[in-house]
Amino acid sequence: MNEKTVLKQSVILFIIGFIIFSIVGIGLKNISYPLGFLLGYIFNTIVFYVIIFTSDMILNLKKSTSLIILMNIGKLVIYAIGFLFAIFFPDIFNIIGVFFGYMITKFSIIIGNYVSNRR
């Protein structure tokens, strides 16, 4: 499965998840649920592009130990920034929404593999 397919499927899952978190937000009269989900998805997409960039650099450079370490630390920093936004601004971003936003790419990979294996 290539990255374009994963990104297309993640957009579909994002729309479904955003609708669900919007319904939850309307039910609880709190806009932070869909905004947290949106923030998590944006940061997750950035991390996915970092993974793609890291993979390309590993294949091109062959000497990649320090690059792998640096990029993994970079991914963790990006994830931490998203969670820190949710912690410091709980009225704007819900931490549960951010967490599920982070999981969209993983869910799209799992669903894509499940669908391709069933065919």
PDB file of N, CA and C in Angstrom:
ATOM      1  N   MET A   1       0.852  -1.166   0.000  1.00  0.00           N
ATOM      2  CA  MET A   1       0.000   0.000   0.000  1.00  0.00           C
ATOM      3  C   MET A   1       0.903   1.235   0.000  1.00  0.00           C
ATOM      4  N   ASN A   2       0.651   2.163  -0.909  1.00  0.00           N
ATOM      5  CA  ASN A   2       1.497   3.342  -0.974  1.00  0.00           C
ATOM      6  C   ASN A   2       0.913   4.489  -0.145  1.00  0.00           C
ATOM      7  N   GLU A   3       1.715   5.541  -0.002  1.00  0.00           N
ATOM      8  CA  GLU A   3       1.312   6.624   0.887  1.00  0.00           C
ATOM      9  C   GLU A   3       0.129   7.430   0.366  1.00  0.00           C
ATOM     10  N   LYS A   4      -0.040   7.498  -0.953  1.00  0.00           N
ATOM     11  CA  LYS A   4      -1.180   8.243  -1.497  1.00  0.00           C
ATOM     12  C   LYS A   4      -2.498   7.556  -1.151  1.00  0.00           C
ATOM     13  N   THR A   5      -2.509   6.243  -1.212  1.00  0.00           N
ATOM     14  CA  THR A   5      -3.708   5.488  -0.844  1.00  0.00           C
ATOM     15  C   THR A   5      -4.019   5.662   0.637  1.00  0.00           C
ATOM     16  N   VAL A   6      -2.989   5.624   1.463  1.00  0.00           N
ATOM     17  CA  VAL A   6      -3.182   5.802   2.903  1.00  0.00           C
ATOM     18  C   VAL A   6      -3.739   7.191   3.193  1.00  0.00           C
ATOM     19  N   LEU A   7      -3.210   8.205   2.515  1.00  0.00           N
ATOM     20  CA  LEU A   7      -3.707   9.569   2.752  1.00  0.00           C
ATOM     21  C   LEU A   7      -5.150   9.734   2.280  1.00  0.00           C
ATOM     22  N   LYS A   8      -5.505   9.122   1.148  1.00  0.00           N
ATOM     23  CA  LYS A   8      -6.890   9.197   0.673  1.00  0.00           C
ATOM     24  C   LYS A   8      -7.842   8.527   1.661  1.00  0.00           C
ATOM     25  N   GLN A   9      -7.451   7.355   2.144  1.00  0.00           N
ATOM     26  CA  GLN A   9      -8.297   6.656   3.107  1.00  0.00           C
ATOM     27  C   GLN A   9      -8.354   7.400   4.430  1.00  0.00           C
ATOM     28  N   SER A  10      -7.267   8.060   4.800  1.00  0.00           N
ATOM     29  CA  SER A  10      -7.276   8.791   6.064  1.00  0.00           C
ATOM     30  C   SER A  10      -8.190  10.007   5.985  1.00  0.00           C
ATOM     31  N   VAL A  11      -8.305  10.615   4.812  1.00  0.00           N
ATOM     32  CA  VAL A  11      -9.233  11.746   4.666  1.00  0.00           C
ATOM     33  C   VAL A  11     -10.674  11.275   4.855  1.00  0.00           C
ATOM     34  N   ILE A  12     -10.999  10.122   4.295  1.00  0.00           N
ATOM     35  CA  ILE A  12     -12.351   9.578   4.454  1.00  0.00           C
ATOM     36  C   ILE A  12     -12.623   9.265   5.923  1.00  0.00           C
ATOM     37  N   LEU A  13     -11.660   8.620   6.584  1.00  0.00           N
ATOM     38  CA  LEU A  13     -11.833   8.332   8.012  1.00  0.00           C
ATOM     39  C   LEU A  13     -11.875   9.609   8.845  1.00  0.00           C
ATOM     40  N   PHE A  14     -11.118  10.623   8.428  1.00  0.00           N
ATOM     41  CA  PHE A  14     -11.164  11.894   9.142  1.00  0.00           C
ATOM     42  C   PHE A  14     -12.551  12.515   9.066  1.00  0.00           C
ATOM     43  N   ILE A  15     -13.144  12.502   7.895  1.00  0.00           N
ATOM     44  CA  ILE A  15     -14.483  13.086   7.740  1.00  0.00           C
ATOM     45  C   ILE A  15     -15.494  12.342   8.614  1.00  0.00           C
ATOM     46  N   ILE A  16     -15.422  11.022   8.611  1.00  0.00           N
ATOM     47  CA  ILE A  16     -16.329  10.231   9.452  1.00  0.00           C
ATOM     48  C   ILE A  16     -16.091  10.539  10.928  1.00  0.00           C
ATOM     49  N   GLY A  17     -14.834  10.553  11.338  1.00  0.00           N
ATOM     50  CA  GLY A  17     -14.508  10.844  12.732  1.00  0.00           C
ATOM     51  C   GLY A  17     -14.880  12.256  13.135  1.00  0.00           C
ATOM     52  N   PHE A  18     -14.685  13.213  12.226  1.00  0.00           N
ATOM     53  CA  PHE A  18     -15.035  14.599  12.538  1.00  0.00           C
ATOM     54  C   PHE A  18     -16.541  14.748  12.729  1.00  0.00           C
ATOM     55  N   ILE A  19     -17.312  14.043  11.919  1.00  0.00           N
ATOM     56  CA  ILE A  19     -18.765  14.073  12.088  1.00  0.00           C
ATOM     57  C   ILE A  19     -19.146  13.476  13.441  1.00  0.00           C
ATOM     58  N   ILE A  20     -18.526  12.360  13.799  1.00  0.00           N
ATOM     59  CA  ILE A  20     -18.829  11.734  15.092  1.00  0.00           C
ATOM     60  C   ILE A  20     -18.444  12.650  16.245  1.00  0.00           C
ATOM     61  N   PHE A  21     -17.241  13.233  16.196  1.00  0.00           N
ATOM     62  CA  PHE A  21     -16.813  14.125  17.272  1.00  0.00           C
ATOM     63  C   PHE A  21     -17.616  15.421  17.285  1.00  0.00           C
ATOM     64  N   SER A  22     -18.117  15.861  16.129  1.00  0.00           N
ATOM     65  CA  SER A  22     -18.995  17.035  16.111  1.00  0.00           C
ATOM     66  C   SER A  22     -20.325  16.731  16.785  1.00  0.00           C
ATOM     67  N   ILE A  23     -20.854  15.539  16.548  1.00  0.00           N
ATOM     68  CA  ILE A  23     -22.099  15.139  17.211  1.00  0.00           C
ATOM     69  C   ILE A  23     -21.894  15.062  18.719  1.00  0.00           C
ATOM     70  N   VAL A  24     -20.768  14.486  19.126  1.00  0.00           N
ATOM     71  CA  VAL A  24     -20.449  14.426  20.558  1.00  0.00           C
ATOM     72  C   VAL A  24     -20.289  15.837  21.124  1.00  0.00           C
ATOM     73  N   GLY A  25     -19.622  16.701  20.387  1.00  0.00           N
ATOM     74  CA  GLY A  25     -19.442  18.081  20.827  1.00  0.00           C
ATOM     75  C   GLY A  25     -20.747  18.840  20.944  1.00  0.00           C
ATOM     76  N   ILE A  26     -21.644  18.617  20.002  1.00  0.00           N
ATOM     77  CA  ILE A  26     -22.960  19.267  20.072  1.00  0.00           C
ATOM     78  C   ILE A  26     -23.754  18.712  21.238  1.00  0.00           C
ATOM     79  N   GLY A  27     -23.668  17.399  21.436  1.00  0.00           N
ATOM     80  CA  GLY A  27     -24.390  16.774  22.552  1.00  0.00           C
ATOM     81  C   GLY A  27     -23.908  17.269  23.901  1.00  0.00           C
ATOM     82  N   LEU A  28     -22.618  17.475  24.028  1.00  0.00           N
ATOM     83  CA  LEU A  28     -22.053  17.947  25.292  1.00  0.00           C
ATOM     84  C   LEU A  28     -21.902  19.473  25.344  1.00  0.00           C
ATOM     85  N   LYS A  29     -22.305  20.130  24.268  1.00  0.00           N
ATOM     86  CA  LYS A  29     -22.198  21.587  24.142  1.00  0.00           C
ATOM     87  C   LYS A  29     -20.764  22.058  24.384  1.00  0.00           C
ATOM     88  N   ASN A  30     -19.843  21.379  23.689  1.00  0.00           N
ATOM     89  CA  ASN A  30     -18.433  21.672  23.840  1.00  0.00           C
ATOM     90  C   ASN A  30     -17.752  21.495  22.487  1.00  0.00           C
ATOM     91  N   ILE A  31     -17.210  22.575  21.951  1.00  0.00           N
ATOM     92  CA  ILE A  31     -16.588  22.548  20.630  1.00  0.00           C
ATOM     93  C   ILE A  31     -15.192  21.924  20.658  1.00  0.00           C
ATOM     94  N   SER A  32     -14.649  21.667  21.844  1.00  0.00           N
ATOM     95  CA  SER A  32     -13.269  21.193  21.941  1.00  0.00           C
ATOM     96  C   SER A  32     -13.085  19.776  21.393  1.00  0.00           C
ATOM     97  N   TYR A  33     -14.125  18.968  21.352  1.00  0.00           N
ATOM     98  CA  TYR A  33     -13.994  17.607  20.833  1.00  0.00           C
ATOM     99  C   TYR A  33     -13.650  17.592  19.343  1.00  0.00           C
ATOM    100  N   PRO A  34     -14.427  18.247  18.472  1.00  0.00           N
ATOM    101  CA  PRO A  34     -14.036  18.228  17.059  1.00  0.00           C
ATOM    102  C   PRO A  34     -12.752  19.011  16.787  1.00  0.00           C
ATOM    103  N   LEU A  35     -12.495  20.080  17.541  1.00  0.00           N
ATOM    104  CA  LEU A  35     -11.258  20.828  17.328  1.00  0.00           C
ATOM    105  C   LEU A  35     -10.037  20.017  17.756  1.00  0.00           C
ATOM    106  N   GLY A  36     -10.158  19.261  18.836  1.00  0.00           N
ATOM    107  CA  GLY A  36      -9.069  18.376  19.242  1.00  0.00           C
ATOM    108  C   GLY A  36      -8.817  17.289  18.205  1.00  0.00           C
ATOM    109  N   PHE A  37      -9.887  16.756  17.649  1.00  0.00           N
ATOM    110  CA  PHE A  37      -9.756  15.741  16.605  1.00  0.00           C
ATOM    111  C   PHE A  37      -9.072  16.326  15.376  1.00  0.00           C
ATOM    112  N   LEU A  38      -9.443  17.547  15.010  1.00  0.00           N
ATOM    113  CA  LEU A  38      -8.819  18.226  13.877  1.00  0.00           C
ATOM    114  C   LEU A  38      -7.334  18.471  14.135  1.00  0.00           C
ATOM    115  N   LEU A  39      -6.994  18.936  15.320  1.00  0.00           N
ATOM    116  CA  LEU A  39      -5.593  19.172  15.668  1.00  0.00           C
ATOM    117  C   LEU A  39      -4.796  17.867  15.622  1.00  0.00           C
ATOM    118  N   GLY A  40      -5.351  16.808  16.177  1.00  0.00           N
ATOM    119  CA  GLY A  40      -4.674  15.512  16.148  1.00  0.00           C
ATOM    120  C   GLY A  40      -4.460  15.008  14.733  1.00  0.00           C
ATOM    121  N   TYR A  41      -5.450  15.200  13.863  1.00  0.00           N
ATOM    122  CA  TYR A  41      -5.306  14.749  12.478  1.00  0.00           C
ATOM    123  C   TYR A  41      -4.242  15.550  11.743  1.00  0.00           C
ATOM    124  N   ILE A  42      -4.207  16.851  11.957  1.00  0.00           N
ATOM    125  CA  ILE A  42      -3.201  17.691  11.300  1.00  0.00           C
ATOM    126  C   ILE A  42      -1.798  17.282  11.736  1.00  0.00           C
ATOM    127  N   PHE A  43      -1.607  17.103  13.046  1.00  0.00           N
ATOM    128  CA  PHE A  43      -0.288  16.707  13.540  1.00  0.00           C
ATOM    129  C   PHE A  43       0.065  15.290  13.067  1.00  0.00           C
ATOM    130  N   ASN A  44      -0.915  14.413  12.978  1.00  0.00           N
ATOM    131  CA  ASN A  44      -0.673  13.060  12.505  1.00  0.00           C
ATOM    132  C   ASN A  44      -0.260  13.065  11.036  1.00  0.00           C
ATOM    133  N   THR A  45      -0.853  13.925  10.239  1.00  0.00           N
ATOM    134  CA  THR A  45      -0.469  14.038   8.837  1.00  0.00           C
ATOM    135  C   THR A  45       0.954  14.561   8.708  1.00  0.00           C
ATOM    136  N   ILE A  46       1.325  15.512   9.560  1.00  0.00           N
ATOM    137  CA  ILE A  46       2.705  16.014   9.552  1.00  0.00           C
ATOM    138  C   ILE A  46       3.677  14.896   9.908  1.00  0.00           C
ATOM    139  N   VAL A  47       3.352  14.115  10.919  1.00  0.00           N
ATOM    140  CA  VAL A  47       4.212  12.998  11.315  1.00  0.00           C
ATOM    141  C   VAL A  47       4.288  11.957  10.198  1.00  0.00           C
ATOM    142  N   PHE A  48       3.199  11.731   9.492  1.00  0.00           N
ATOM    143  CA  PHE A  48       3.215  10.783   8.381  1.00  0.00           C
ATOM    144  C   PHE A  48       4.161  11.256   7.282  1.00  0.00           C
ATOM    145  N   TYR A  49       4.160  12.565   6.992  1.00  0.00           N
ATOM    146  CA  TYR A  49       5.096  13.103   6.009  1.00  0.00           C
ATOM    147  C   TYR A  49       6.538  13.011   6.511  1.00  0.00           C
ATOM    148  N   VAL A  50       6.755  13.150   7.797  1.00  0.00           N
ATOM    149  CA  VAL A  50       8.102  12.971   8.361  1.00  0.00           C
ATOM    150  C   VAL A  50       8.550  11.523   8.158  1.00  0.00           C
ATOM    151  N   ILE A  51       7.647  10.580   8.349  1.00  0.00           N
ATOM    152  CA  ILE A  51       7.979   9.166   8.135  1.00  0.00           C
ATOM    153  C   ILE A  51       8.324   8.916   6.669  1.00  0.00           C
ATOM    154  N   ILE A  52       7.559   9.497   5.763  1.00  0.00           N
ATOM    155  CA  ILE A  52       7.837   9.337   4.330  1.00  0.00           C
ATOM    156  C   ILE A  52       9.206   9.930   3.995  1.00  0.00           C
ATOM    157  N   PHE A  53       9.488  11.129   4.509  1.00  0.00           N
ATOM    158  CA  PHE A  53      10.773  11.782   4.265  1.00  0.00           C
ATOM    159  C   PHE A  53      11.919  10.950   4.826  1.00  0.00           C
ATOM    160  N   THR A  54      11.729  10.422   6.028  1.00  0.00           N
ATOM    161  CA  THR A  54      12.761   9.595   6.650  1.00  0.00           C
ATOM    162  C   THR A  54      13.023   8.342   5.825  1.00  0.00           C
ATOM    163  N   SER A  55      11.972   7.711   5.349  1.00  0.00           N
ATOM    164  CA  SER A  55      12.140   6.504   4.533  1.00  0.00           C
ATOM    165  C   SER A  55      12.884   6.808   3.238  1.00  0.00           C
ATOM    166  N   ASP A  56      12.551   7.917   2.597  1.00  0.00           N
ATOM    167  CA  ASP A  56      13.257   8.299   1.377  1.00  0.00           C
ATOM    168  C   ASP A  56      14.731   8.584   1.645  1.00  0.00           C
ATOM    169  N   MET A  57      15.016   9.259   2.747  1.00  0.00           N
ATOM    170  CA  MET A  57      16.405   9.570   3.076  1.00  0.00           C
ATOM    171  C   MET A  57      17.192   8.301   3.406  1.00  0.00           C
ATOM    172  N   ILE A  58      16.571   7.364   4.081  1.00  0.00           N
ATOM    173  CA  ILE A  58      17.252   6.105   4.409  1.00  0.00           C
ATOM    174  C   ILE A  58      17.596   5.348   3.130  1.00  0.00           C
ATOM    175  N   LEU A  59      16.665   5.310   2.188  1.00  0.00           N
ATOM    176  CA  LEU A  59      16.921   4.582   0.940  1.00  0.00           C
ATOM    177  C   LEU A  59      17.969   5.267   0.081  1.00  0.00           C
ATOM    178  N   ASN A  60      18.065   6.589   0.159  1.00  0.00           N
ATOM    179  CA  ASN A  60      19.008   7.316  -0.679  1.00  0.00           C
ATOM    180  C   ASN A  60      20.402   7.426  -0.070  1.00  0.00           C
ATOM    181  N   LEU A  61      20.511   7.551   1.252  1.00  0.00           N
ATOM    182  CA  LEU A  61      21.807   7.829   1.869  1.00  0.00           C
ATOM    183  C   LEU A  61      22.572   6.594   2.321  1.00  0.00           C
ATOM    184  N   LYS A  62      21.894   5.545   2.657  1.00  0.00           N
ATOM    185  CA  LYS A  62      22.476   4.304   3.161  1.00  0.00           C
ATOM    186  C   LYS A  62      23.079   4.447   4.568  1.00  0.00           C
ATOM    187  N   LYS A  63      23.639   5.585   4.939  1.00  0.00           N
ATOM    188  CA  LYS A  63      24.149   5.817   6.296  1.00  0.00           C
ATOM    189  C   LYS A  63      23.078   6.626   7.019  1.00  0.00           C
ATOM    190  N   SER A  64      22.312   5.971   7.848  1.00  0.00           N
ATOM    191  CA  SER A  64      21.124   6.656   8.336  1.00  0.00           C
ATOM    192  C   SER A  64      20.876   6.503   9.828  1.00  0.00           C
ATOM    193  N   THR A  65      21.832   6.045  10.592  1.00  0.00           N
ATOM    194  CA  THR A  65      21.583   5.802  12.010  1.00  0.00           C
ATOM    195  C   THR A  65      21.242   7.086  12.744  1.00  0.00           C
ATOM    196  N   SER A  66      22.025   8.123  12.539  1.00  0.00           N
ATOM    197  CA  SER A  66      21.742   9.384  13.226  1.00  0.00           C
ATOM    198  C   SER A  66      20.468  10.027  12.701  1.00  0.00           C
ATOM    199  N   LEU A  67      20.196   9.859  11.412  1.00  0.00           N
ATOM    200  CA  LEU A  67      18.969  10.410  10.838  1.00  0.00           C
ATOM    201  C   LEU A  67      17.737   9.725  11.412  1.00  0.00           C
ATOM    202  N   ILE A  68      17.796   8.418  11.575  1.00  0.00           N
ATOM    203  CA  ILE A  68      16.666   7.684  12.142  1.00  0.00           C
ATOM    204  C   ILE A  68      16.396   8.153  13.565  1.00  0.00           C
ATOM    205  N   ILE A  69      17.449   8.300  14.348  1.00  0.00           N
ATOM    206  CA  ILE A  69      17.293   8.760  15.732  1.00  0.00           C
ATOM    207  C   ILE A  69      16.722  10.172  15.766  1.00  0.00           C
ATOM    208  N   LEU A  70      17.248  11.047  14.932  1.00  0.00           N
ATOM    209  CA  LEU A  70      16.785  12.434  14.897  1.00  0.00           C
ATOM    210  C   LEU A  70      15.324  12.533  14.471  1.00  0.00           C
ATOM    211  N   MET A  71      14.941  11.782  13.461  1.00  0.00           N
ATOM    212  CA  MET A  71      13.558  11.832  12.976  1.00  0.00           C
ATOM    213  C   MET A  71      12.584  11.214  13.983  1.00  0.00           C
ATOM    214  N   ASN A  72      12.996  10.157  14.682  1.00  0.00           N
ATOM    215  CA  ASN A  72      12.125   9.590  15.711  1.00  0.00           C
ATOM    216  C   ASN A  72      11.925  10.567  16.858  1.00  0.00           C
ATOM    217  N   ILE A  73      12.974  11.259  17.240  1.00  0.00           N
ATOM    218  CA  ILE A  73      12.828  12.290  18.271  1.00  0.00           C
ATOM    219  C   ILE A  73      11.934  13.417  17.760  1.00  0.00           C
ATOM    220  N   GLY A  74      12.079  13.771  16.499  1.00  0.00           N
ATOM    221  CA  GLY A  74      11.221  14.802  15.904  1.00  0.00           C
ATOM    222  C   GLY A  74       9.755  14.407  15.912  1.00  0.00           C
ATOM    223  N   LYS A  75       9.474  13.146  15.598  1.00  0.00           N
ATOM    224  CA  LYS A  75       8.082  12.674  15.636  1.00  0.00           C
ATOM    225  C   LYS A  75       7.520  12.748  17.044  1.00  0.00           C
ATOM    226  N   LEU A  76       8.318  12.347  18.020  1.00  0.00           N
ATOM    227  CA  LEU A  76       7.853  12.403  19.403  1.00  0.00           C
ATOM    228  C   LEU A  76       7.613  13.834  19.853  1.00  0.00           C
ATOM    229  N   VAL A  77       8.450  14.755  19.401  1.00  0.00           N
ATOM    230  CA  VAL A  77       8.265  16.168  19.750  1.00  0.00           C
ATOM    231  C   VAL A  77       6.967  16.695  19.144  1.00  0.00           C
ATOM    232  N   ILE A  78       6.683  16.315  17.904  1.00  0.00           N
ATOM    233  CA  ILE A  78       5.441  16.757  17.260  1.00  0.00           C
ATOM    234  C   ILE A  78       4.229  16.210  18.009  1.00  0.00           C
ATOM    235  N   TYR A  79       4.267  14.942  18.361  1.00  0.00           N
ATOM    236  CA  TYR A  79       3.173  14.367  19.145  1.00  0.00           C
ATOM    237  C   TYR A  79       3.038  15.070  20.498  1.00  0.00           C
ATOM    238  N   ALA A  80       4.152  15.364  21.123  1.00  0.00           N
ATOM    239  CA  ALA A  80       4.117  16.026  22.431  1.00  0.00           C
ATOM    240  C   ALA A  80       3.527  17.425  22.324  1.00  0.00           C
ATOM    241  N   ILE A  81       3.841  18.145  21.258  1.00  0.00           N
ATOM    242  CA  ILE A  81       3.285  19.489  21.073  1.00  0.00           C
ATOM    243  C   ILE A  81       1.765  19.427  20.974  1.00  0.00           C
ATOM    244  N   GLY A  82       1.247  18.447  20.245  1.00  0.00           N
ATOM    245  CA  GLY A  82      -0.206  18.299  20.138  1.00  0.00           C
ATOM    246  C   GLY A  82      -0.851  18.025  21.482  1.00  0.00           C
ATOM    247  N   PHE A  83      -0.248  17.142  22.262  1.00  0.00           N
ATOM    248  CA  PHE A  83      -0.799  16.854  23.582  1.00  0.00           C
ATOM    249  C   PHE A  83      -0.650  18.056  24.513  1.00  0.00           C
ATOM    250  N   LEU A  84       0.444  18.804  24.380  1.00  0.00           N
ATOM    251  CA  LEU A  84       0.613  19.995  25.215  1.00  0.00           C
ATOM    252  C   LEU A  84      -0.437  21.061  24.888  1.00  0.00           C
ATOM    253  N   PHE A  85      -0.776  21.203  23.602  1.00  0.00           N
ATOM    254  CA  PHE A  85      -1.873  22.109  23.245  1.00  0.00           C
ATOM    255  C   PHE A  85      -3.160  21.690  23.956  1.00  0.00           C
ATOM    256  N   ALA A  86      -3.429  20.393  23.963  1.00  0.00           N
ATOM    257  CA  ALA A  86      -4.649  19.893  24.599  1.00  0.00           C
ATOM    258  C   ALA A  86      -4.603  20.070  26.113  1.00  0.00           C
ATOM    259  N   ILE A  87      -3.423  19.967  26.711  1.00  0.00           N
ATOM    260  CA  ILE A  87      -3.312  20.136  28.158  1.00  0.00           C
ATOM    261  C   ILE A  87      -3.411  21.599  28.556  1.00  0.00           C
ATOM    262  N   PHE A  88      -2.729  22.472  27.818  1.00  0.00           N
ATOM    263  CA  PHE A  88      -2.710  23.890  28.190  1.00  0.00           C
ATOM    264  C   PHE A  88      -3.966  24.648  27.752  1.00  0.00           C
ATOM    265  N   PHE A  89      -4.655  24.164  26.726  1.00  0.00           N
ATOM    266  CA  PHE A  89      -5.880  24.804  26.238  1.00  0.00           C
ATOM    267  C   PHE A  89      -7.031  23.803  26.208  1.00  0.00           C
ATOM    268  N   PRO A  90      -7.484  23.319  27.372  1.00  0.00           N
ATOM    269  CA  PRO A  90      -8.524  22.274  27.379  1.00  0.00           C
ATOM    270  C   PRO A  90      -9.889  22.775  26.909  1.00  0.00           C
ATOM    271  N   ASP A  91     -10.117  24.085  26.943  1.00  0.00           N
ATOM    272  CA  ASP A  91     -11.392  24.614  26.460  1.00  0.00           C
ATOM    273  C   ASP A  91     -11.448  24.630  24.936  1.00  0.00           C
ATOM    274  N   ILE A  92     -10.281  24.597  24.298  1.00  0.00           N
ATOM    275  CA  ILE A  92     -10.230  24.650  22.836  1.00  0.00           C
ATOM    276  C   ILE A  92     -10.009  23.266  22.238  1.00  0.00           C
ATOM    277  N   PHE A  93      -9.071  22.492  22.800  1.00  0.00           N
ATOM    278  CA  PHE A  93      -8.726  21.178  22.270  1.00  0.00           C
ATOM    279  C   PHE A  93      -8.915  20.114  23.340  1.00  0.00           C
ATOM    280  N   ASN A  94      -9.700  19.104  23.028  1.00  0.00           N
ATOM    281  CA  ASN A  94      -9.900  18.000  23.958  1.00  0.00           C
ATOM    282  C   ASN A  94      -8.832  16.946  23.725  1.00  0.00           C
ATOM    283  N   ILE A  95      -8.256  16.436  24.798  1.00  0.00           N
ATOM    284  CA  ILE A  95      -7.149  15.486  24.670  1.00  0.00           C
ATOM    285  C   ILE A  95      -7.604  14.148  24.076  1.00  0.00           C
ATOM    286  N   ILE A  96      -8.853  13.769  24.304  1.00  0.00           N
ATOM    287  CA  ILE A  96      -9.375  12.535  23.702  1.00  0.00           C
ATOM    288  C   ILE A  96      -9.504  12.699  22.189  1.00  0.00           C
ATOM    289  N   GLY A  97      -9.968  13.859  21.763  1.00  0.00           N
ATOM    290  CA  GLY A  97     -10.051  14.141  20.333  1.00  0.00           C
ATOM    291  C   GLY A  97      -8.686  14.144  19.673  1.00  0.00           C
ATOM    292  N   VAL A  98      -7.699  14.729  20.362  1.00  0.00           N
ATOM    293  CA  VAL A  98      -6.333  14.738  19.825  1.00  0.00           C
ATOM    294  C   VAL A  98      -5.810  13.313  19.691  1.00  0.00           C
ATOM    295  N   PHE A  99      -6.043  12.495  20.700  1.00  0.00           N
ATOM    296  CA  PHE A  99      -5.579  11.108  20.653  1.00  0.00           C
ATOM    297  C   PHE A  99      -6.181  10.360  19.474  1.00  0.00           C
ATOM    298  N   PHE A 100      -7.494  10.463  19.281  1.00  0.00           N
ATOM    299  CA  PHE A 100      -8.115   9.754  18.164  1.00  0.00           C
ATOM    300  C   PHE A 100      -7.719  10.368  16.823  1.00  0.00           C
ATOM    301  N   GLY A 101      -7.419  11.653  16.789  1.00  0.00           N
ATOM    302  CA  GLY A 101      -6.885  12.264  15.569  1.00  0.00           C
ATOM    303  C   GLY A 101      -5.532  11.689  15.205  1.00  0.00           C
ATOM    304  N   TYR A 102      -4.720  11.389  16.230  1.00  0.00           N
ATOM    305  CA  TYR A 102      -3.426  10.757  16.000  1.00  0.00           C
ATOM    306  C   TYR A 102      -3.570   9.359  15.415  1.00  0.00           C
ATOM    307  N   MET A 103      -4.662   8.697  15.692  1.00  0.00           N
ATOM    308  CA  MET A 103      -4.827   7.299  15.300  1.00  0.00           C
ATOM    309  C   MET A 103      -5.399   7.114  13.888  1.00  0.00           C
ATOM    310  N   ILE A 104      -5.776   8.183  13.202  1.00  0.00           N
ATOM    311  CA  ILE A 104      -6.453   8.064  11.910  1.00  0.00           C
ATOM    312  C   ILE A 104      -5.587   7.358  10.874  1.00  0.00           C
ATOM    313  N   THR A 105      -4.331   7.721  10.753  1.00  0.00           N
ATOM    314  CA  THR A 105      -3.474   7.074   9.764  1.00  0.00           C
ATOM    315  C   THR A 105      -3.288   5.592  10.092  1.00  0.00           C
ATOM    316  N   LYS A 106      -3.141   5.281  11.357  1.00  0.00           N
ATOM    317  CA  LYS A 106      -2.992   3.876  11.743  1.00  0.00           C
ATOM    318  C   LYS A 106      -4.247   3.084  11.403  1.00  0.00           C
ATOM    319  N   PHE A 107      -5.421   3.681  11.686  1.00  0.00           N
ATOM    320  CA  PHE A 107      -6.683   3.015  11.353  1.00  0.00           C
ATOM    321  C   PHE A 107      -6.831   2.840   9.846  1.00  0.00           C
ATOM    322  N   SER A 108      -6.424   3.829   9.057  1.00  0.00           N
ATOM    323  CA  SER A 108      -6.567   3.712   7.607  1.00  0.00           C
ATOM    324  C   SER A 108      -5.645   2.630   7.051  1.00  0.00           C
ATOM    325  N   ILE A 109      -4.451   2.474   7.629  1.00  0.00           N
ATOM    326  CA  ILE A 109      -3.562   1.397   7.194  1.00  0.00           C
ATOM    327  C   ILE A 109      -4.173   0.036   7.541  1.00  0.00           C
ATOM    328  N   ILE A 110      -4.711  -0.091   8.749  1.00  0.00           N
ATOM    329  CA  ILE A 110      -5.320  -1.357   9.169  1.00  0.00           C
ATOM    330  C   ILE A 110      -6.526  -1.696   8.305  1.00  0.00           C
ATOM    331  N   ILE A 111      -7.380  -0.714   8.066  1.00  0.00           N
ATOM    332  CA  ILE A 111      -8.567  -0.954   7.238  1.00  0.00           C
ATOM    333  C   ILE A 111      -8.175  -1.271   5.802  1.00  0.00           C
ATOM    334  N   GLY A 112      -7.187  -0.561   5.263  1.00  0.00           N
ATOM    335  CA  GLY A 112      -6.733  -0.833   3.903  1.00  0.00           C
ATOM    336  C   GLY A 112      -6.166  -2.228   3.753  1.00  0.00           C
ATOM    337  N   ASN A 113      -5.392  -2.672   4.716  1.00  0.00           N
ATOM    338  CA  ASN A 113      -4.863  -4.037   4.673  1.00  0.00           C
ATOM    339  C   ASN A 113      -5.970  -5.076   4.812  1.00  0.00           C
ATOM    340  N   TYR A 114      -6.946  -4.798   5.658  1.00  0.00           N
ATOM    341  CA  TYR A 114      -8.062  -5.727   5.835  1.00  0.00           C
ATOM    342  C   TYR A 114      -8.863  -5.854   4.546  1.00  0.00           C
ATOM    343  N   VAL A 115      -9.140  -4.729   3.904  1.00  0.00           N
ATOM    344  CA  VAL A 115      -9.927  -4.751   2.665  1.00  0.00           C
ATOM    345  C   VAL A 115      -9.141  -5.440   1.549  1.00  0.00           C
ATOM    346  N   SER A 116      -7.832  -5.164   1.444  1.00  0.00           N
ATOM    347  CA  SER A 116      -7.054  -5.784   0.361  1.00  0.00           C
ATOM    348  C   SER A 116      -6.883  -7.292   0.584  1.00  0.00           C
ATOM    349  N   ASN A 117      -6.857  -7.747   1.811  1.00  0.00           N
ATOM    350  CA  ASN A 117      -6.756  -9.180   2.080  1.00  0.00           C
ATOM    351  C   ASN A 117      -8.061  -9.910   1.846  1.00  0.00           C
ATOM    352  N   ARG A 118      -9.172  -9.215   1.932  1.00  0.00           N
ATOM    353  CA  ARG A 118     -10.480  -9.853   1.717  1.00  0.00           C
ATOM    354  C   ARG A 118     -10.760 -10.045   0.240  1.00  0.00           C
ATOM    355  N   ARG A 119     -10.114  -9.284  -0.617  1.00  0.00           N
ATOM    356  CA  ARG A 119     -10.389  -9.384  -2.053  1.00  0.00           C
ATOM    357  C   ARG A 119      -9.748 -10.578  -2.670  1.00  0.00           C
TER     358      ARG A 119
END
